[in-house]
Amino acid sequence: MPVTVIPRDVLTRWNSLNDMLRYCVEHQHPIETFTAQHRDLRKFELGDDEWELIEQLCNVLKVWRA
């Protein structure tokens, strides 16, 4: 998988939150692997319910995507 950067949520940029969340859902496995390997990041690990909520939010925000 090529090295990429997570899009940032920018208040003045339309759909930036959607872009960021969609990227995270697409890269869920590498994100989980990375946080599991670094003890100081384990507090930021997301549970299955939280990942599902993000996916649902992506579906809602998709309606507003131009």
PDB file of N, CA and C in Angstrom:
ATOM      1  N   MET A   1       0.850  -1.170   0.000  1.00  0.00           N
ATOM      2  CA  MET A   1       0.000   0.000   0.000  1.00  0.00           C
ATOM      3  C   MET A   1       0.901   1.240   0.000  1.00  0.00           C
ATOM      4  N   PRO A   2       0.636   2.190  -0.890  1.00  0.00           N
ATOM      5  CA  PRO A   2       1.479   3.390  -0.938  1.00  0.00           C
ATOM      6  C   PRO A   2       1.280   4.273   0.296  1.00  0.00           C
ATOM      7  N   VAL A   3       2.300   5.048   0.600  1.00  0.00           N
ATOM      8  CA  VAL A   3       2.235   5.979   1.723  1.00  0.00           C
ATOM      9  C   VAL A   3       1.331   7.146   1.343  1.00  0.00           C
ATOM     10  N   THR A   4       0.355   7.436   2.184  1.00  0.00           N
ATOM     11  CA  THR A   4      -0.571   8.534   1.946  1.00  0.00           C
ATOM     12  C   THR A   4      -0.755   9.322   3.238  1.00  0.00           C
ATOM     13  N   VAL A   5      -1.436  10.436   3.149  1.00  0.00           N
ATOM     14  CA  VAL A   5      -1.687  11.284   4.307  1.00  0.00           C
ATOM     15  C   VAL A   5      -3.190  11.414   4.513  1.00  0.00           C
ATOM     16  N   ILE A   6      -3.618  11.327   5.771  1.00  0.00           N
ATOM     17  CA  ILE A   6      -5.039  11.475   6.090  1.00  0.00           C
ATOM     18  C   ILE A   6      -5.466  12.905   5.782  1.00  0.00           C
ATOM     19  N   PRO A   7      -6.519  13.100   5.004  1.00  0.00           N
ATOM     20  CA  PRO A   7      -7.018  14.458   4.752  1.00  0.00           C
ATOM     21  C   PRO A   7      -7.431  15.126   6.063  1.00  0.00           C
ATOM     22  N   ARG A   8      -7.214  16.399   6.160  1.00  0.00           N
ATOM     23  CA  ARG A   8      -7.559  17.144   7.371  1.00  0.00           C
ATOM     24  C   ARG A   8      -8.959  17.732   7.259  1.00  0.00           C
ATOM     25  N   ASP A   9      -9.602  17.839   8.409  1.00  0.00           N
ATOM     26  CA  ASP A   9     -10.903  18.500   8.474  1.00  0.00           C
ATOM     27  C   ASP A   9     -10.647  20.001   8.575  1.00  0.00           C
ATOM     28  N   VAL A  10     -11.065  20.743   7.555  1.00  0.00           N
ATOM     29  CA  VAL A  10     -10.840  22.182   7.491  1.00  0.00           C
ATOM     30  C   VAL A  10     -12.194  22.877   7.469  1.00  0.00           C
ATOM     31  N   LEU A  11     -12.396  23.808   8.403  1.00  0.00           N
ATOM     32  CA  LEU A  11     -13.692  24.475   8.519  1.00  0.00           C
ATOM     33  C   LEU A  11     -14.126  25.170   7.236  1.00  0.00           C
ATOM     34  N   THR A  12     -13.185  25.724   6.508  1.00  0.00           N
ATOM     35  CA  THR A  12     -13.529  26.502   5.312  1.00  0.00           C
ATOM     36  C   THR A  12     -13.577  25.663   4.043  1.00  0.00           C
ATOM     37  N   ARG A  13     -13.349  24.364   4.166  1.00  0.00           N
ATOM     38  CA  ARG A  13     -13.356  23.495   2.992  1.00  0.00           C
ATOM     39  C   ARG A  13     -14.540  22.554   3.032  1.00  0.00           C
ATOM     40  N   TRP A  14     -15.430  22.712   2.103  1.00  0.00           N
ATOM     41  CA  TRP A  14     -16.628  21.896   2.032  1.00  0.00           C
ATOM     42  C   TRP A  14     -16.247  20.428   1.850  1.00  0.00           C
ATOM     43  N   ASN A  15     -16.878  19.551   2.557  1.00  0.00           N
ATOM     44  CA  ASN A  15     -16.699  18.092   2.459  1.00  0.00           C
ATOM     45  C   ASN A  15     -15.386  17.572   3.036  1.00  0.00           C
ATOM     46  N   SER A  16     -14.612  18.402   3.720  1.00  0.00           N
ATOM     47  CA  SER A  16     -13.338  17.914   4.246  1.00  0.00           C
ATOM     48  C   SER A  16     -13.542  16.860   5.339  1.00  0.00           C
ATOM     49  N   LEU A  17     -14.579  16.998   6.161  1.00  0.00           N
ATOM     50  CA  LEU A  17     -14.861  15.984   7.179  1.00  0.00           C
ATOM     51  C   LEU A  17     -15.211  14.658   6.513  1.00  0.00           C
ATOM     52  N   ASN A  18     -16.024  14.715   5.477  1.00  0.00           N
ATOM     53  CA  ASN A  18     -16.388  13.509   4.733  1.00  0.00           C
ATOM     54  C   ASN A  18     -15.149  12.855   4.128  1.00  0.00           C
ATOM     55  N   ASP A  19     -14.264  13.638   3.548  1.00  0.00           N
ATOM     56  CA  ASP A  19     -13.031  13.106   2.961  1.00  0.00           C
ATOM     57  C   ASP A  19     -12.175  12.417   4.015  1.00  0.00           C
ATOM     58  N   MET A  20     -12.051  13.051   5.183  1.00  0.00           N
ATOM     59  CA  MET A  20     -11.229  12.502   6.252  1.00  0.00           C
ATOM     60  C   MET A  20     -11.819  11.186   6.771  1.00  0.00           C
ATOM     61  N   LEU A  21     -13.118  11.164   7.024  1.00  0.00           N
ATOM     62  CA  LEU A  21     -13.748   9.957   7.549  1.00  0.00           C
ATOM     63  C   LEU A  21     -13.730   8.817   6.537  1.00  0.00           C
ATOM     64  N   ARG A  22     -13.989   9.134   5.281  1.00  0.00           N
ATOM     65  CA  ARG A  22     -13.972   8.103   4.236  1.00  0.00           C
ATOM     66  C   ARG A  22     -12.563   7.490   4.111  1.00  0.00           C
ATOM     67  N   TYR A  23     -11.541   8.328   4.184  1.00  0.00           N
ATOM     68  CA  TYR A  23     -10.164   7.851   4.132  1.00  0.00           C
ATOM     69  C   TYR A  23      -9.897   6.885   5.292  1.00  0.00           C
ATOM     70  N   CYS A  24     -10.342   7.260   6.481  1.00  0.00           N
ATOM     71  CA  CYS A  24     -10.116   6.418   7.658  1.00  0.00           C
ATOM     72  C   CYS A  24     -10.824   5.077   7.541  1.00  0.00           C
ATOM     73  N   VAL A  25     -12.040   5.071   7.015  1.00  0.00           N
ATOM     74  CA  VAL A  25     -12.767   3.817   6.829  1.00  0.00           C
ATOM     75  C   VAL A  25     -12.033   2.935   5.812  1.00  0.00           C
ATOM     76  N   GLU A  26     -11.554   3.531   4.732  1.00  0.00           N
ATOM     77  CA  GLU A  26     -10.831   2.772   3.695  1.00  0.00           C
ATOM     78  C   GLU A  26      -9.502   2.226   4.216  1.00  0.00           C
ATOM     79  N   HIS A  27      -8.914   2.900   5.206  1.00  0.00           N
ATOM     80  CA  HIS A  27      -7.620   2.494   5.753  1.00  0.00           C
ATOM     81  C   HIS A  27      -7.746   2.000   7.200  1.00  0.00           C
ATOM     82  N   GLN A  28      -8.884   1.414   7.524  1.00  0.00           N
ATOM     83  CA  GLN A  28      -9.148   0.965   8.887  1.00  0.00           C
ATOM     84  C   GLN A  28      -8.094  -0.026   9.375  1.00  0.00           C
ATOM     85  N   HIS A  29      -7.779  -1.014   8.577  1.00  0.00           N
ATOM     86  CA  HIS A  29      -6.817  -2.039   9.020  1.00  0.00           C
ATOM     87  C   HIS A  29      -5.435  -1.440   9.315  1.00  0.00           C
ATOM     88  N   PRO A  30      -4.852  -0.634   8.422  1.00  0.00           N
ATOM     89  CA  PRO A  30      -3.549  -0.041   8.759  1.00  0.00           C
ATOM     90  C   PRO A  30      -3.615   0.879   9.984  1.00  0.00           C
ATOM     91  N   ILE A  31      -4.709   1.603  10.149  1.00  0.00           N
ATOM     92  CA  ILE A  31      -4.844   2.484  11.317  1.00  0.00           C
ATOM     93  C   ILE A  31      -4.895   1.651  12.598  1.00  0.00           C
ATOM     94  N   GLU A  32      -5.666   0.578  12.588  1.00  0.00           N
ATOM     95  CA  GLU A  32      -5.749  -0.287  13.765  1.00  0.00           C
ATOM     96  C   GLU A  32      -4.410  -0.955  14.066  1.00  0.00           C
ATOM     97  N   THR A  33      -3.715  -1.383  13.041  1.00  0.00           N
ATOM     98  CA  THR A  33      -2.412  -2.008  13.225  1.00  0.00           C
ATOM     99  C   THR A  33      -1.418  -1.014  13.821  1.00  0.00           C
ATOM    100  N   PHE A  34      -1.406   0.195  13.296  1.00  0.00           N
ATOM    101  CA  PHE A  34      -0.480   1.219  13.772  1.00  0.00           C
ATOM    102  C   PHE A  34      -0.743   1.571  15.239  1.00  0.00           C
ATOM    103  N   THR A  35      -2.005   1.791  15.596  1.00  0.00           N
ATOM    104  CA  THR A  35      -2.308   2.160  16.982  1.00  0.00           C
ATOM    105  C   THR A  35      -2.046   0.998  17.939  1.00  0.00           C
ATOM    106  N   ALA A  36      -2.233  -0.235  17.483  1.00  0.00           N
ATOM    107  CA  ALA A  36      -1.977  -1.400  18.333  1.00  0.00           C
ATOM    108  C   ALA A  36      -0.490  -1.584  18.603  1.00  0.00           C
ATOM    109  N   GLN A  37       0.366  -1.162  17.682  1.00  0.00           N
ATOM    110  CA  GLN A  37       1.811  -1.350  17.822  1.00  0.00           C
ATOM    111  C   GLN A  37       2.481  -0.263  18.665  1.00  0.00           C
ATOM    112  N   HIS A  38       1.783   0.814  18.944  1.00  0.00           N
ATOM    113  CA  HIS A  38       2.363   1.921  19.706  1.00  0.00           C
ATOM    114  C   HIS A  38       1.566   2.130  20.993  1.00  0.00           C
ATOM    115  N   ARG A  39       2.193   1.818  22.110  1.00  0.00           N
ATOM    116  CA  ARG A  39       1.493   1.875  23.397  1.00  0.00           C
ATOM    117  C   ARG A  39       0.865   3.225  23.687  1.00  0.00           C
ATOM    118  N   ASP A  40       1.553   4.296  23.354  1.00  0.00           N
ATOM    119  CA  ASP A  40       1.027   5.624  23.662  1.00  0.00           C
ATOM    120  C   ASP A  40      -0.183   5.995  22.804  1.00  0.00           C
ATOM    121  N   LEU A  41      -0.454   5.244  21.732  1.00  0.00           N
ATOM    122  CA  LEU A  41      -1.600   5.515  20.869  1.00  0.00           C
ATOM    123  C   LEU A  41      -2.789   4.596  21.148  1.00  0.00           C
ATOM    124  N   ARG A  42      -2.618   3.630  22.016  1.00  0.00           N
ATOM    125  CA  ARG A  42      -3.700   2.677  22.283  1.00  0.00           C
ATOM    126  C   ARG A  42      -4.940   3.352  22.836  1.00  0.00           C
ATOM    127  N   LYS A  43      -4.781   4.471  23.519  1.00  0.00           N
ATOM    128  CA  LYS A  43      -5.948   5.174  24.066  1.00  0.00           C
ATOM    129  C   LYS A  43      -6.829   5.760  22.962  1.00  0.00           C
ATOM    130  N   PHE A  44      -6.286   5.830  21.735  1.00  0.00           N
ATOM    131  CA  PHE A  44      -7.038   6.369  20.604  1.00  0.00           C
ATOM    132  C   PHE A  44      -7.668   5.284  19.734  1.00  0.00           C
ATOM    133  N   GLU A  45      -7.496   4.013  20.098  1.00  0.00           N
ATOM    134  CA  GLU A  45      -8.078   2.919  19.315  1.00  0.00           C
ATOM    135  C   GLU A  45      -9.603   3.018  19.331  1.00  0.00           C
ATOM    136  N   LEU A  46     -10.201   2.723  18.193  1.00  0.00           N
ATOM    137  CA  LEU A  46     -11.655   2.760  18.072  1.00  0.00           C
ATOM    138  C   LEU A  46     -12.218   1.348  18.166  1.00  0.00           C
ATOM    139  N   GLY A  47     -13.372   1.241  18.788  1.00  0.00           N
ATOM    140  CA  GLY A  47     -14.055  -0.046  18.878  1.00  0.00           C
ATOM    141  C   GLY A  47     -14.897  -0.286  17.634  1.00  0.00           C
ATOM    142  N   ASP A  48     -15.436  -1.487  17.524  1.00  0.00           N
ATOM    143  CA  ASP A  48     -16.266  -1.839  16.370  1.00  0.00           C
ATOM    144  C   ASP A  48     -17.479  -0.921  16.246  1.00  0.00           C
ATOM    145  N   ASP A  49     -18.080  -0.555  17.384  1.00  0.00           N
ATOM    146  CA  ASP A  49     -19.240   0.343  17.357  1.00  0.00           C
ATOM    147  C   ASP A  49     -18.865   1.719  16.805  1.00  0.00           C
ATOM    148  N   GLU A  50     -17.685   2.197  17.164  1.00  0.00           N
ATOM    149  CA  GLU A  50     -17.245   3.510  16.687  1.00  0.00           C
ATOM    150  C   GLU A  50     -16.941   3.491  15.193  1.00  0.00           C
ATOM    151  N   TRP A  51     -16.333   2.398  14.704  1.00  0.00           N
ATOM    152  CA  TRP A  51     -16.084   2.279  13.269  1.00  0.00           C
ATOM    153  C   TRP A  51     -17.402   2.224  12.497  1.00  0.00           C
ATOM    154  N   GLU A  52     -18.376   1.509  13.051  1.00  0.00           N
ATOM    155  CA  GLU A  52     -19.684   1.423  12.402  1.00  0.00           C
ATOM    156  C   GLU A  52     -20.355   2.796  12.361  1.00  0.00           C
ATOM    157  N   LEU A  53     -20.229   3.551  13.432  1.00  0.00           N
ATOM    158  CA  LEU A  53     -20.794   4.893  13.485  1.00  0.00           C
ATOM    159  C   LEU A  53     -20.149   5.802  12.431  1.00  0.00           C
ATOM    160  N   ILE A  54     -18.845   5.672  12.254  1.00  0.00           N
ATOM    161  CA  ILE A  54     -18.144   6.464  11.233  1.00  0.00           C
ATOM    162  C   ILE A  54     -18.651   6.099   9.840  1.00  0.00           C
ATOM    163  N   GLU A  55     -18.840   4.814   9.589  1.00  0.00           N
ATOM    164  CA  GLU A  55     -19.372   4.387   8.291  1.00  0.00           C
ATOM    165  C   GLU A  55     -20.768   4.946   8.046  1.00  0.00           C
ATOM    166  N   GLN A  56     -21.600   4.940   9.078  1.00  0.00           N
ATOM    167  CA  GLN A  56     -22.945   5.497   8.950  1.00  0.00           C
ATOM    168  C   GLN A  56     -22.887   6.992   8.681  1.00  0.00           C
ATOM    169  N   LEU A  57     -21.998   7.678   9.358  1.00  0.00           N
ATOM    170  CA  LEU A  57     -21.836   9.116   9.141  1.00  0.00           C
ATOM    171  C   LEU A  57     -21.365   9.396   7.715  1.00  0.00           C
ATOM    172  N   CYS A  58     -20.481   8.569   7.187  1.00  0.00           N
ATOM    173  CA  CYS A  58     -20.036   8.721   5.787  1.00  0.00           C
ATOM    174  C   CYS A  58     -21.214   8.596   4.835  1.00  0.00           C
ATOM    175  N   ASN A  59     -22.102   7.661   5.116  1.00  0.00           N
ATOM    176  CA  ASN A  59     -23.281   7.478   4.261  1.00  0.00           C
ATOM    177  C   ASN A  59     -24.198   8.690   4.317  1.00  0.00           C
ATOM    178  N   VAL A  60     -24.340   9.287   5.494  1.00  0.00           N
ATOM    179  CA  VAL A  60     -25.170  10.481   5.626  1.00  0.00           C
ATOM    180  C   VAL A  60     -24.528  11.659   4.902  1.00  0.00           C
ATOM    181  N   LEU A  61     -23.221  11.827   5.080  1.00  0.00           N
ATOM    182  CA  LEU A  61     -22.532  12.952   4.455  1.00  0.00           C
ATOM    183  C   LEU A  61     -22.421  12.798   2.938  1.00  0.00           C
ATOM    184  N   LYS A  62     -22.492  11.561   2.461  1.00  0.00           N
ATOM    185  CA  LYS A  62     -22.401  11.310   1.027  1.00  0.00           C
ATOM    186  C   LYS A  62     -23.534  12.020   0.273  1.00  0.00           C
ATOM    187  N   VAL A  63     -24.671  12.174   0.924  1.00  0.00           N
ATOM    188  CA  VAL A  63     -25.809  12.843   0.314  1.00  0.00           C
ATOM    189  C   VAL A  63     -25.451  14.281  -0.054  1.00  0.00           C
ATOM    190  N   TRP A  64     -24.607  14.914   0.746  1.00  0.00           N
ATOM    191  CA  TRP A  64     -24.241  16.313   0.532  1.00  0.00           C
ATOM    192  C   TRP A  64     -23.035  16.479  -0.376  1.00  0.00           C
ATOM    193  N   ARG A  65     -22.439  15.373  -0.775  1.00  0.00           N
ATOM    194  CA  ARG A  65     -21.247  15.423  -1.633  1.00  0.00           C
ATOM    195  C   ARG A  65     -21.638  15.931  -3.017  1.00  0.00           C
ATOM    196  N   ALA A  66     -20.909  16.902  -3.481  1.00  0.00           N
ATOM    197  CA  ALA A  66     -21.203  17.492  -4.806  1.00  0.00           C
ATOM    198  C   ALA A  66     -20.581  16.678  -5.923  1.00  0.00           C
TER     199      ALA A  66
END
